[in-house]
Amino acid sequence: MQDEKRSIPRNDEHVVSPSIRMQRIIEYLVDLWKSPHTPSNEDLKRIAEFIVRLPEAYRSTGLTVLAELFVNGISLHMLDLMATYQQKAEQEGVCAEDIQKTFEDIFPQTFQVLETINKQLSIRSLDSLAALSNITIPLYTLSRADSAEEAQTWLYELPETYQSELQQEHMLKDSQDQEIYPDKSTIIHSSTFTDWPTYQQAQGYVVPGMGTAQTNEHIGTPAAPKIVPIFYKKILAA
């Protein structure tokens, strides 16, 4: 009787290691990314003008989708700071143990912030979108890093700073549509009120030790009253 166990022919030349396969996929993606795939400034202007004319039931979703473009940009920037830190630290002779220690320190907070922002961002008015842009763009500009030390500093500061700014502007909500407030003992509930809101001129945005960014552009005043959110705090019992 022939042995039931038969060897399976194998050509080792066709076996690709996981690392080589991942590199090939990345190279393929790089080629794809060369094609236009992000909206131009004119596209964004047209989209924004369309969204503000949407019925109220759809407007907030449209504004949030548009806002995610800015949020995704700074989220990718945080990941790029990690890659920059690793690259610059290796080039500057920082030992592997110190690099690993930095990542162990910043990974939990940074990825928690990225997850929170991704799930809880909510933009309900054009004024809020302007405020989000006024927070995001200066922080993105200020936090560029050319050395391992600069990248490391921003990795410790940027995630918490960005999330805190969004919370203070009431741009993050939990699953019960409640505002997430920096003080976790406080929940801010939203309501509505008719007003003529104007997004005011931005004050100088300061990050300790890293400089100041300021925008002086006025967004303008709506011609007619509209429904805008108001907020009140409820302190939870200890």
C-alpha atoms as a PDB file:
ATOM      1  CA  MET A   1       0.000   0.000   0.000  1.00  0.00           C
ATOM      2  CA  GLN A   2       1.231   3.361  -0.923  1.00  0.00           C
ATOM      3  CA  ASP A   3       1.897   5.743   1.879  1.00  0.00           C
ATOM      4  CA  GLU A   4      -1.191   7.950   2.253  1.00  0.00           C
ATOM      5  CA  LYS A   5       0.979  10.827   3.317  1.00  0.00           C
ATOM      6  CA  ARG A   6       2.216  12.551   0.259  1.00  0.00           C
ATOM      7  CA  SER A   7       4.574  15.435   0.233  1.00  0.00           C
ATOM      8  CA  ILE A   8       3.250  18.635  -1.272  1.00  0.00           C
ATOM      9  CA  PRO A   9       5.524  20.108  -3.892  1.00  0.00           C
ATOM     10  CA  ARG A  10       6.784  23.516  -2.832  1.00  0.00           C
ATOM     11  CA  ASN A  11       8.662  26.056  -4.808  1.00  0.00           C
ATOM     12  CA  ASP A  12      10.493  28.287  -2.366  1.00  0.00           C
ATOM     13  CA  GLU A  13      11.020  30.877  -5.077  1.00  0.00           C
ATOM     14  CA  HIS A  14       7.327  31.831  -4.832  1.00  0.00           C
ATOM     15  CA  VAL A  15       7.313  32.201  -1.057  1.00  0.00           C
ATOM     16  CA  VAL A  16       7.327  35.899  -0.111  1.00  0.00           C
ATOM     17  CA  SER A  17       8.224  36.950   3.411  1.00  0.00           C
ATOM     18  CA  PRO A  18       5.680  39.153   5.249  1.00  0.00           C
ATOM     19  CA  SER A  19       8.098  42.077   5.373  1.00  0.00           C
ATOM     20  CA  ILE A  20       8.701  41.997   1.623  1.00  0.00           C
ATOM     21  CA  ARG A  21       4.970  41.683   0.970  1.00  0.00           C
ATOM     22  CA  MET A  22       4.203  44.714   3.177  1.00  0.00           C
ATOM     23  CA  GLN A  23       6.878  46.735   1.400  1.00  0.00           C
ATOM     24  CA  ARG A  24       5.392  45.851  -1.982  1.00  0.00           C
ATOM     25  CA  ILE A  25       1.922  46.925  -0.815  1.00  0.00           C
ATOM     26  CA  ILE A  26       3.292  50.233   0.490  1.00  0.00           C
ATOM     27  CA  GLU A  27       5.052  50.870  -2.823  1.00  0.00           C
ATOM     28  CA  TYR A  28       1.795  50.089  -4.637  1.00  0.00           C
ATOM     29  CA  LEU A  29      -0.086  52.547  -2.409  1.00  0.00           C
ATOM     30  CA  VAL A  30       2.528  55.232  -3.033  1.00  0.00           C
ATOM     31  CA  ASP A  31       1.903  54.888  -6.763  1.00  0.00           C
ATOM     32  CA  LEU A  32      -1.857  55.204  -6.195  1.00  0.00           C
ATOM     33  CA  TRP A  33      -1.410  58.275  -3.987  1.00  0.00           C
ATOM     34  CA  LYS A  34       0.297  60.076  -6.856  1.00  0.00           C
ATOM     35  CA  SER A  35      -3.090  60.388  -8.532  1.00  0.00           C
ATOM     36  CA  PRO A  36      -5.323  63.301  -7.413  1.00  0.00           C
ATOM     37  CA  HIS A  37      -7.501  62.086  -4.551  1.00  0.00           C
ATOM     38  CA  THR A  38      -8.006  65.069  -2.250  1.00  0.00           C
ATOM     39  CA  PRO A  39     -10.301  68.065  -2.866  1.00  0.00           C
ATOM     40  CA  SER A  40      -8.784  71.330  -4.020  1.00  0.00           C
ATOM     41  CA  ASN A  41      -9.489  74.649  -2.307  1.00  0.00           C
ATOM     42  CA  GLU A  42     -12.101  75.413  -4.950  1.00  0.00           C
ATOM     43  CA  ASP A  43     -13.693  72.019  -4.344  1.00  0.00           C
ATOM     44  CA  LEU A  44     -13.846  72.734  -0.607  1.00  0.00           C
ATOM     45  CA  LYS A  45     -15.409  76.158  -1.226  1.00  0.00           C
ATOM     46  CA  ARG A  46     -18.088  74.622  -3.455  1.00  0.00           C
ATOM     47  CA  ILE A  47     -18.764  71.857  -0.934  1.00  0.00           C
ATOM     48  CA  ALA A  48     -19.041  74.301   1.981  1.00  0.00           C
ATOM     49  CA  GLU A  49     -21.441  76.564   0.062  1.00  0.00           C
ATOM     50  CA  PHE A  50     -23.587  73.526  -0.714  1.00  0.00           C
ATOM     51  CA  ILE A  51     -23.576  72.190   2.861  1.00  0.00           C
ATOM     52  CA  VAL A  52     -24.750  75.448   4.473  1.00  0.00           C
ATOM     53  CA  ARG A  53     -27.833  75.354   2.242  1.00  0.00           C
ATOM     54  CA  LEU A  54     -28.754  71.788   3.202  1.00  0.00           C
ATOM     55  CA  PRO A  55     -31.855  71.149   5.323  1.00  0.00           C
ATOM     56  CA  GLU A  56     -31.038  71.301   9.033  1.00  0.00           C
ATOM     57  CA  ALA A  57     -31.480  67.525   9.397  1.00  0.00           C
ATOM     58  CA  TYR A  58     -28.479  66.942   7.107  1.00  0.00           C
ATOM     59  CA  ARG A  59     -26.376  70.056   7.664  1.00  0.00           C
ATOM     60  CA  SER A  60     -24.548  68.898  10.806  1.00  0.00           C
ATOM     61  CA  THR A  61     -23.491  65.630   9.172  1.00  0.00           C
ATOM     62  CA  GLY A  62     -22.214  67.488   6.122  1.00  0.00           C
ATOM     63  CA  LEU A  63     -20.264  69.980   8.230  1.00  0.00           C
ATOM     64  CA  THR A  64     -18.767  67.177  10.329  1.00  0.00           C
ATOM     65  CA  VAL A  65     -17.633  65.326   7.200  1.00  0.00           C
ATOM     66  CA  LEU A  66     -15.965  68.511   5.975  1.00  0.00           C
ATOM     67  CA  ALA A  67     -14.401  69.089   9.402  1.00  0.00           C
ATOM     68  CA  GLU A  68     -12.963  65.575   9.379  1.00  0.00           C
ATOM     69  CA  LEU A  69     -10.696  66.655   6.542  1.00  0.00           C
ATOM     70  CA  PHE A  70      -8.875  69.000   8.932  1.00  0.00           C
ATOM     71  CA  VAL A  71      -8.982  66.570  11.853  1.00  0.00           C
ATOM     72  CA  ASN A  72      -7.637  63.715   9.750  1.00  0.00           C
ATOM     73  CA  GLY A  73      -4.836  65.994   8.600  1.00  0.00           C
ATOM     74  CA  ILE A  74      -3.615  66.723  12.120  1.00  0.00           C
ATOM     75  CA  SER A  75      -4.166  63.076  13.132  1.00  0.00           C
ATOM     76  CA  LEU A  76      -1.847  62.024  10.314  1.00  0.00           C
ATOM     77  CA  HIS A  77       0.511  64.772  11.468  1.00  0.00           C
ATOM     78  CA  MET A  78       0.692  63.156  14.917  1.00  0.00           C
ATOM     79  CA  LEU A  79       1.600  59.826  13.317  1.00  0.00           C
ATOM     80  CA  ASP A  80       4.169  61.609  11.171  1.00  0.00           C
ATOM     81  CA  LEU A  81       5.704  63.134  14.293  1.00  0.00           C
ATOM     82  CA  MET A  82       6.176  59.602  15.617  1.00  0.00           C
ATOM     83  CA  ALA A  83       7.874  58.515  12.406  1.00  0.00           C
ATOM     84  CA  THR A  84       9.981  61.688  12.375  1.00  0.00           C
ATOM     85  CA  TYR A  85      11.037  61.154  15.976  1.00  0.00           C
ATOM     86  CA  GLN A  86      12.126  57.591  15.299  1.00  0.00           C
ATOM     87  CA  GLN A  87      14.027  58.535  12.145  1.00  0.00           C
ATOM     88  CA  LYS A  88      15.744  61.602  13.632  1.00  0.00           C
ATOM     89  CA  ALA A  89      16.534  59.848  16.921  1.00  0.00           C
ATOM     90  CA  GLU A  90      18.274  57.009  15.100  1.00  0.00           C
ATOM     91  CA  GLN A  91      20.201  59.483  12.947  1.00  0.00           C
ATOM     92  CA  GLU A  92      21.196  61.511  16.021  1.00  0.00           C
ATOM     93  CA  GLY A  93      22.438  58.454  17.898  1.00  0.00           C
ATOM     94  CA  VAL A  94      19.677  58.141  20.501  1.00  0.00           C
ATOM     95  CA  CYS A  95      19.792  54.641  21.960  1.00  0.00           C
ATOM     96  CA  ALA A  96      17.026  52.181  21.076  1.00  0.00           C
ATOM     97  CA  GLU A  97      15.961  51.887  24.722  1.00  0.00           C
ATOM     98  CA  ASP A  98      15.264  55.629  24.971  1.00  0.00           C
ATOM     99  CA  ILE A  99      13.299  55.586  21.718  1.00  0.00           C
ATOM    100  CA  GLN A 100      11.226  52.662  22.959  1.00  0.00           C
ATOM    101  CA  LYS A 101      10.628  54.390  26.304  1.00  0.00           C
ATOM    102  CA  THR A 102       9.317  57.498  24.548  1.00  0.00           C
ATOM    103  CA  PHE A 103       6.886  55.432  22.488  1.00  0.00           C
ATOM    104  CA  GLU A 104       5.716  53.566  25.586  1.00  0.00           C
ATOM    105  CA  ASP A 105       5.002  56.932  27.185  1.00  0.00           C
ATOM    106  CA  ILE A 106       3.135  58.571  24.313  1.00  0.00           C
ATOM    107  CA  PHE A 107       1.335  55.677  22.573  1.00  0.00           C
ATOM    108  CA  PRO A 108      -1.550  55.213  25.085  1.00  0.00           C
ATOM    109  CA  GLN A 109      -2.546  58.874  25.249  1.00  0.00           C
ATOM    110  CA  THR A 110      -2.004  59.657  21.581  1.00  0.00           C
ATOM    111  CA  PHE A 111      -3.990  56.736  20.209  1.00  0.00           C
ATOM    112  CA  GLN A 112      -6.752  57.314  22.754  1.00  0.00           C
ATOM    113  CA  VAL A 113      -7.018  60.916  21.551  1.00  0.00           C
ATOM    114  CA  LEU A 114      -7.086  59.814  17.912  1.00  0.00           C
ATOM    115  CA  GLU A 115      -9.846  57.305  18.649  1.00  0.00           C
ATOM    116  CA  THR A 116     -11.885  59.804  20.666  1.00  0.00           C
ATOM    117  CA  ILE A 117     -11.704  62.523  18.030  1.00  0.00           C
ATOM    118  CA  ASN A 118     -12.520  60.070  15.254  1.00  0.00           C
ATOM    119  CA  LYS A 119     -15.656  58.810  17.040  1.00  0.00           C
ATOM    120  CA  GLN A 120     -16.953  61.921  18.786  1.00  0.00           C
ATOM    121  CA  LEU A 121     -16.328  64.886  16.490  1.00  0.00           C
ATOM    122  CA  SER A 122     -19.532  66.831  15.868  1.00  0.00           C
ATOM    123  CA  ILE A 123     -19.739  70.157  14.008  1.00  0.00           C
ATOM    124  CA  ARG A 124     -23.160  71.815  13.903  1.00  0.00           C
ATOM    125  CA  SER A 125     -22.580  75.231  12.372  1.00  0.00           C
ATOM    126  CA  LEU A 126     -20.347  77.108   9.976  1.00  0.00           C
ATOM    127  CA  ASP A 127     -19.056  79.070  12.953  1.00  0.00           C
ATOM    128  CA  SER A 128     -17.921  75.818  14.596  1.00  0.00           C
ATOM    129  CA  LEU A 129     -16.186  74.770  11.399  1.00  0.00           C
ATOM    130  CA  ALA A 130     -14.353  78.111  11.376  1.00  0.00           C
ATOM    131  CA  ALA A 131     -13.378  77.626  15.023  1.00  0.00           C
ATOM    132  CA  LEU A 132     -12.108  74.109  14.277  1.00  0.00           C
ATOM    133  CA  SER A 133      -9.990  75.414  11.421  1.00  0.00           C
ATOM    134  CA  ASN A 134      -8.705  78.221  13.637  1.00  0.00           C
ATOM    135  CA  ILE A 135      -7.551  75.623  16.189  1.00  0.00           C
ATOM    136  CA  THR A 136      -6.209  73.013  13.794  1.00  0.00           C
ATOM    137  CA  ILE A 137      -4.208  74.983  11.247  1.00  0.00           C
ATOM    138  CA  PRO A 138      -2.086  77.027  13.706  1.00  0.00           C
ATOM    139  CA  LEU A 139      -1.347  73.904  15.781  1.00  0.00           C
ATOM    140  CA  TYR A 140      -0.371  72.000  12.646  1.00  0.00           C
ATOM    141  CA  THR A 141       1.962  74.818  11.623  1.00  0.00           C
ATOM    142  CA  LEU A 142       3.523  75.282  15.046  1.00  0.00           C
ATOM    143  CA  SER A 143       4.162  71.587  15.656  1.00  0.00           C
ATOM    144  CA  ARG A 144       6.408  70.857  12.701  1.00  0.00           C
ATOM    145  CA  ALA A 145       9.651  69.282  13.870  1.00  0.00           C
ATOM    146  CA  ASP A 146      13.139  69.166  12.390  1.00  0.00           C
ATOM    147  CA  SER A 147      14.860  67.252  15.179  1.00  0.00           C
ATOM    148  CA  ALA A 148      14.192  64.311  17.466  1.00  0.00           C
ATOM    149  CA  GLU A 149      13.890  66.641  20.462  1.00  0.00           C
ATOM    150  CA  GLU A 150      11.289  68.853  18.769  1.00  0.00           C
ATOM    151  CA  ALA A 151       9.279  65.851  17.607  1.00  0.00           C
ATOM    152  CA  GLN A 152       9.439  64.292  21.072  1.00  0.00           C
ATOM    153  CA  THR A 153       8.282  67.522  22.741  1.00  0.00           C
ATOM    154  CA  TRP A 154       5.272  67.804  20.454  1.00  0.00           C
ATOM    155  CA  LEU A 155       4.384  64.142  20.870  1.00  0.00           C
ATOM    156  CA  TYR A 156       3.948  64.781  24.577  1.00  0.00           C
ATOM    157  CA  GLU A 157       2.043  68.064  24.124  1.00  0.00           C
ATOM    158  CA  LEU A 158       0.054  68.035  20.880  1.00  0.00           C
ATOM    159  CA  PRO A 159      -2.536  65.253  21.430  1.00  0.00           C
ATOM    160  CA  GLU A 160      -3.706  66.517  24.822  1.00  0.00           C
ATOM    161  CA  THR A 161      -3.631  70.155  23.687  1.00  0.00           C
ATOM    162  CA  TYR A 162      -5.696  69.457  20.569  1.00  0.00           C
ATOM    163  CA  GLN A 163      -8.314  67.377  22.349  1.00  0.00           C
ATOM    164  CA  SER A 164      -8.618  69.950  25.116  1.00  0.00           C
ATOM    165  CA  GLU A 165      -9.200  72.748  22.587  1.00  0.00           C
ATOM    166  CA  LEU A 166     -11.945  70.763  20.849  1.00  0.00           C
ATOM    167  CA  GLN A 167     -13.581  69.982  24.177  1.00  0.00           C
ATOM    168  CA  GLN A 168     -13.569  73.615  25.228  1.00  0.00           C
ATOM    169  CA  GLU A 169     -15.284  74.530  21.965  1.00  0.00           C
ATOM    170  CA  HIS A 170     -17.885  71.768  22.524  1.00  0.00           C
ATOM    171  CA  MET A 171     -16.948  69.846  19.381  1.00  0.00           C
ATOM    172  CA  LEU A 172     -16.825  66.357  20.928  1.00  0.00           C
ATOM    173  CA  LYS A 173     -19.916  64.367  21.878  1.00  0.00           C
ATOM    174  CA  ASP A 174     -20.501  60.977  23.430  1.00  0.00           C
ATOM    175  CA  SER A 175     -23.035  58.401  22.232  1.00  0.00           C
ATOM    176  CA  GLN A 176     -25.839  60.159  24.197  1.00  0.00           C
ATOM    177  CA  ASP A 177     -25.221  63.417  22.296  1.00  0.00           C
ATOM    178  CA  GLN A 178     -23.702  65.028  25.391  1.00  0.00           C
ATOM    179  CA  GLU A 179     -20.761  67.361  25.292  1.00  0.00           C
ATOM    180  CA  ILE A 180     -17.458  65.937  26.528  1.00  0.00           C
ATOM    181  CA  TYR A 181     -15.917  68.465  28.915  1.00  0.00           C
ATOM    182  CA  PRO A 182     -12.276  68.547  30.035  1.00  0.00           C
ATOM    183  CA  ASP A 183     -13.398  68.066  33.652  1.00  0.00           C
ATOM    184  CA  LYS A 184     -14.798  64.530  33.571  1.00  0.00           C
ATOM    185  CA  SER A 185     -17.089  65.284  36.541  1.00  0.00           C
ATOM    186  CA  THR A 186     -19.031  67.695  34.351  1.00  0.00           C
ATOM    187  CA  ILE A 187     -21.420  66.980  31.509  1.00  0.00           C
ATOM    188  CA  ILE A 188     -22.547  69.816  29.266  1.00  0.00           C
ATOM    189  CA  HIS A 189     -25.993  69.300  27.780  1.00  0.00           C
ATOM    190  CA  SER A 190     -26.919  71.121  24.606  1.00  0.00           C
ATOM    191  CA  SER A 191     -30.055  73.037  23.753  1.00  0.00           C
ATOM    192  CA  THR A 192     -30.884  75.612  21.089  1.00  0.00           C
ATOM    193  CA  PHE A 193     -31.441  79.356  21.061  1.00  0.00           C
ATOM    194  CA  THR A 194     -32.125  81.844  18.292  1.00  0.00           C
ATOM    195  CA  ASP A 195     -29.308  84.358  17.929  1.00  0.00           C
ATOM    196  CA  TRP A 196     -27.225  86.232  15.385  1.00  0.00           C
ATOM    197  CA  PRO A 197     -23.829  84.566  16.028  1.00  0.00           C
ATOM    198  CA  THR A 198     -20.622  85.962  14.614  1.00  0.00           C
ATOM    199  CA  TYR A 199     -17.376  84.065  14.837  1.00  0.00           C
ATOM    200  CA  GLN A 200     -15.052  86.615  16.414  1.00  0.00           C
ATOM    201  CA  GLN A 201     -11.508  87.468  15.465  1.00  0.00           C
ATOM    202  CA  ALA A 202      -9.191  84.794  16.818  1.00  0.00           C
ATOM    203  CA  GLN A 203      -6.865  85.639  19.655  1.00  0.00           C
ATOM    204  CA  GLY A 204      -3.198  84.669  19.588  1.00  0.00           C
ATOM    205  CA  TYR A 205      -2.807  80.917  20.056  1.00  0.00           C
ATOM    206  CA  VAL A 206       0.090  80.174  22.389  1.00  0.00           C
ATOM    207  CA  VAL A 207       1.858  76.896  23.064  1.00  0.00           C
ATOM    208  CA  PRO A 208       4.355  77.221  25.942  1.00  0.00           C
ATOM    209  CA  GLY A 209       7.884  77.519  24.723  1.00  0.00           C
ATOM    210  CA  MET A 210       7.103  77.016  21.058  1.00  0.00           C
ATOM    211  CA  GLY A 211       5.851  80.436  19.828  1.00  0.00           C
ATOM    212  CA  THR A 212       2.590  82.146  18.915  1.00  0.00           C
ATOM    213  CA  ALA A 213       0.271  81.875  15.920  1.00  0.00           C
ATOM    214  CA  GLN A 214      -2.501  84.367  15.230  1.00  0.00           C
ATOM    215  CA  THR A 215      -5.206  84.657  12.614  1.00  0.00           C
ATOM    216  CA  ASN A 216      -6.888  87.993  11.961  1.00  0.00           C
ATOM    217  CA  GLU A 217      -9.561  86.970   9.502  1.00  0.00           C
ATOM    218  CA  HIS A 218     -13.199  87.734  10.254  1.00  0.00           C
ATOM    219  CA  ILE A 219     -15.690  85.122   9.148  1.00  0.00           C
ATOM    220  CA  GLY A 220     -18.598  87.551   8.864  1.00  0.00           C
ATOM    221  CA  THR A 221     -22.087  87.940  10.300  1.00  0.00           C
ATOM    222  CA  PRO A 222     -25.082  85.919   9.041  1.00  0.00           C
ATOM    223  CA  ALA A 223     -27.747  88.123   7.550  1.00  0.00           C
ATOM    224  CA  ALA A 224     -30.604  86.463   9.424  1.00  0.00           C
ATOM    225  CA  PRO A 225     -31.078  84.830  12.862  1.00  0.00           C
ATOM    226  CA  LYS A 226     -30.574  81.098  13.120  1.00  0.00           C
ATOM    227  CA  ILE A 227     -30.785  78.309  15.675  1.00  0.00           C
ATOM    228  CA  VAL A 228     -27.504  77.889  17.513  1.00  0.00           C
ATOM    229  CA  PRO A 229     -26.557  75.587  20.409  1.00  0.00           C
ATOM    230  CA  ILE A 230     -26.346  76.830  23.971  1.00  0.00           C
ATOM    231  CA  PHE A 231     -24.851  74.852  26.827  1.00  0.00           C
ATOM    232  CA  TYR A 232     -25.284  74.429  30.545  1.00  0.00           C
ATOM    233  CA  LYS A 233     -23.265  72.388  33.011  1.00  0.00           C
ATOM    234  CA  LYS A 234     -24.473  69.630  35.273  1.00  0.00           C
ATOM    235  CA  ILE A 235     -22.042  68.658  38.024  1.00  0.00           C
ATOM    236  CA  LEU A 236     -22.148  64.941  38.749  1.00  0.00           C
ATOM    237  CA  ALA A 237     -22.337  63.851  42.372  1.00  0.00           C
ATOM    238  CA  ALA A 238     -19.038  62.649  43.785  1.00  0.00           C
END
